[in-house]
Amino acid sequence: MSASTPTTPAASVAPASAASIGTVAAAGPGRRTHLAVRTLQIVLALFFAVASAGPKLVGHSSAAEGFDRIGYGDWYMYLVGGLELAGAVALVIPILSGVAALALMGLMIGAFVTQLTVFDGENALTPVIFFVLLAVVAVVRRRHNPELVAFVRDRL
């Protein structure tokens, strides 16, 4: 047996410098993160378009009863349904995905407040869960926001 200390592969790898770590972070999310968030976007878009906006836009009795309790009438139900459908579509368009997630988070804040004040906290956790999921999308897709601003600015 030799007196020298064997080197392990981990010991021979140089530690990452702060500059290289910053470069990796600036490059964006990894492939797995991108795919996971893309899947989350699609699932959220399907939920908002079909399960949430659908009943509101067709005037289903379950949606109409809830909005009658709120007291704003059918126009508000159609408005919220339209906003949810627009958000669902925008959620799967890459350049709009970050802003769409932020806008839907705003709707979830309104839904949470409504659940607490009008419905005595019944189902108040649901908008909180969707808020958190949308926040994940908004954070990961925030890189698209400057692209969207530049696109709009170039068109004006």
Protein backbone atom coordinates (compact mmCIF):
# COMPACT_ATOMS: atom_id res chain seq x y z
CA MET A 1 0.00 0.00 0.00
CA SER A 2 1.40 3.37 -0.90
CA ALA A 3 1.86 6.17 1.57
CA SER A 4 0.26 8.72 -0.71
CA THR A 5 -3.34 9.70 -0.11
CA PRO A 6 -5.63 8.74 -2.94
CA THR A 7 -7.63 11.56 -4.44
CA THR A 8 -11.33 11.21 -4.95
CA PRO A 9 -13.07 12.69 -7.97
CA ALA A 10 -14.89 15.14 -5.71
CA ALA A 11 -11.63 16.37 -4.22
CA SER A 12 -10.09 17.03 -7.61
CA VAL A 13 -12.96 19.26 -8.78
CA ALA A 14 -12.33 22.94 -8.18
CA PRO A 15 -15.05 24.79 -6.28
CA ALA A 16 -17.32 26.94 -8.43
CA SER A 17 -16.47 30.58 -8.43
CA ALA A 18 -19.06 33.22 -7.64
CA ALA A 19 -18.85 34.45 -11.23
CA SER A 20 -19.66 31.04 -12.67
CA ILE A 21 -22.56 30.58 -10.25
CA GLY A 22 -23.97 33.95 -11.28
CA THR A 23 -23.65 32.97 -14.95
CA VAL A 24 -25.61 29.77 -14.37
CA ALA A 25 -28.33 31.65 -12.46
CA ALA A 26 -28.54 34.28 -15.20
CA ALA A 27 -28.95 31.59 -17.84
CA GLY A 28 -32.39 30.73 -16.49
CA PRO A 29 -34.07 27.64 -15.15
CA GLY A 30 -32.74 24.21 -15.96
CA ARG A 31 -34.47 21.79 -18.28
CA ARG A 32 -36.30 19.95 -15.51
CA THR A 33 -37.48 23.18 -13.92
CA HIS A 34 -38.64 24.48 -17.30
CA LEU A 35 -40.59 21.29 -18.02
CA ALA A 36 -42.12 21.16 -14.54
CA VAL A 37 -43.24 24.78 -14.70
CA ARG A 38 -44.50 24.36 -18.26
CA THR A 39 -46.59 21.40 -17.10
CA LEU A 40 -47.86 23.48 -14.17
CA GLN A 41 -48.80 26.28 -16.59
CA ILE A 42 -50.80 23.88 -18.75
CA VAL A 43 -52.61 22.35 -15.77
CA LEU A 44 -53.42 25.80 -14.36
CA ALA A 45 -54.57 27.02 -17.77
CA LEU A 46 -56.88 24.03 -18.13
CA PHE A 47 -58.29 24.62 -14.66
CA PHE A 48 -58.90 28.32 -15.20
CA ALA A 49 -60.36 27.86 -18.70
CA VAL A 50 -62.54 24.80 -18.16
CA ALA A 51 -63.35 24.37 -14.48
CA SER A 52 -63.39 28.00 -13.41
CA ALA A 53 -64.21 30.27 -16.37
CA GLY A 54 -66.43 27.77 -18.19
CA PRO A 55 -69.32 27.69 -15.71
CA LYS A 56 -69.21 31.47 -15.36
CA LEU A 57 -69.26 32.14 -19.09
CA VAL A 58 -72.16 29.75 -19.78
CA GLY A 59 -74.10 31.09 -16.81
CA HIS A 60 -74.24 27.75 -14.99
CA SER A 61 -76.50 27.85 -11.94
CA SER A 62 -73.66 26.94 -9.55
CA ALA A 63 -71.69 29.99 -10.64
CA ALA A 64 -74.73 32.27 -10.84
CA GLU A 65 -75.80 31.42 -7.27
CA GLY A 66 -72.37 32.32 -5.91
CA PHE A 67 -72.26 35.62 -7.75
CA ASP A 68 -75.81 36.42 -6.63
CA ARG A 69 -74.57 36.09 -3.04
CA ILE A 70 -71.75 38.51 -3.83
CA GLY A 71 -74.36 41.00 -4.97
CA TYR A 72 -72.88 42.36 -8.21
CA GLY A 73 -75.06 40.42 -10.61
CA ASP A 74 -74.41 38.53 -13.81
CA TRP A 75 -72.17 41.17 -15.39
CA TYR A 76 -69.57 40.55 -12.70
CA MET A 77 -69.74 36.78 -13.19
CA TYR A 78 -69.10 37.21 -16.93
CA LEU A 79 -66.30 39.70 -16.26
CA VAL A 80 -64.50 37.34 -13.88
CA GLY A 81 -65.04 34.42 -16.25
CA GLY A 82 -63.65 36.44 -19.15
CA LEU A 83 -60.61 37.50 -17.13
CA GLU A 84 -59.95 33.91 -16.08
CA LEU A 85 -60.25 32.69 -19.66
CA ALA A 86 -57.92 35.43 -20.93
CA GLY A 87 -55.45 34.59 -18.16
CA ALA A 88 -55.62 30.90 -19.01
CA VAL A 89 -54.83 31.56 -22.67
CA ALA A 90 -52.03 33.99 -21.81
CA LEU A 91 -50.58 31.52 -19.31
CA VAL A 92 -49.54 29.19 -22.14
CA ILE A 93 -48.09 31.93 -24.39
CA PRO A 94 -44.43 32.17 -23.36
CA ILE A 95 -43.99 35.95 -23.58
CA LEU A 96 -47.24 36.53 -21.64
CA SER A 97 -46.89 33.75 -19.06
CA GLY A 98 -45.24 35.78 -16.29
CA VAL A 99 -47.66 38.70 -16.56
CA ALA A 100 -50.62 36.32 -16.85
CA ALA A 101 -49.59 34.58 -13.64
CA LEU A 102 -49.36 37.97 -11.88
CA ALA A 103 -52.80 39.00 -13.15
CA LEU A 104 -54.36 35.71 -12.07
CA MET A 105 -52.69 36.14 -8.67
CA GLY A 106 -54.60 39.42 -8.40
CA LEU A 107 -57.83 37.57 -9.12
CA MET A 108 -56.94 35.03 -6.45
CA ILE A 109 -56.47 37.81 -3.91
CA GLY A 110 -59.95 39.07 -4.77
CA ALA A 111 -61.35 35.53 -4.55
CA PHE A 112 -59.73 35.03 -1.15
CA VAL A 113 -61.14 38.28 0.23
CA THR A 114 -64.56 37.39 -1.19
CA GLN A 115 -64.42 33.93 0.37
CA LEU A 116 -63.64 35.46 3.75
CA THR A 117 -66.15 38.31 3.66
CA VAL A 118 -69.11 36.95 1.69
CA PHE A 119 -68.86 33.20 2.19
CA ASP A 120 -67.60 33.21 5.82
CA GLY A 121 -64.28 31.56 4.93
CA GLU A 122 -65.85 28.62 3.10
CA ASN A 123 -63.27 27.35 0.56
CA ALA A 124 -60.93 30.24 1.41
CA LEU A 125 -57.89 27.97 1.10
CA THR A 126 -58.53 27.26 -2.59
CA PRO A 127 -57.47 30.71 -3.89
CA VAL A 128 -54.45 30.61 -1.57
CA ILE A 129 -53.28 27.33 -3.11
CA PHE A 130 -53.73 28.70 -6.63
CA PHE A 131 -51.97 31.93 -5.60
CA VAL A 132 -48.91 29.94 -4.52
CA LEU A 133 -48.88 27.86 -7.72
CA LEU A 134 -49.24 31.01 -9.84
CA ALA A 135 -46.43 32.64 -7.84
CA VAL A 136 -44.13 29.78 -8.84
CA VAL A 137 -44.97 30.42 -12.50
CA ALA A 138 -44.55 34.20 -12.08
CA VAL A 139 -41.11 33.82 -10.49
CA VAL A 140 -39.77 31.28 -12.96
CA ARG A 141 -41.19 33.10 -15.99
CA ARG A 142 -40.25 36.62 -14.84
CA ARG A 143 -37.51 36.65 -17.49
CA HIS A 144 -40.23 37.12 -20.13
CA ASN A 145 -41.42 40.41 -18.63
CA PRO A 146 -38.63 42.58 -20.12
CA GLU A 147 -39.20 40.87 -23.48
CA LEU A 148 -42.88 41.78 -23.31
CA VAL A 149 -42.12 45.38 -22.37
CA ALA A 150 -39.65 45.66 -25.25
CA PHE A 151 -42.17 44.10 -27.66
CA VAL A 152 -44.89 46.56 -26.62
CA ARG A 153 -42.47 49.51 -26.67
CA ASP A 154 -41.34 48.63 -30.20
CA ARG A 155 -44.96 48.62 -31.37
CA LEU A 156 -45.80 52.05 -29.93
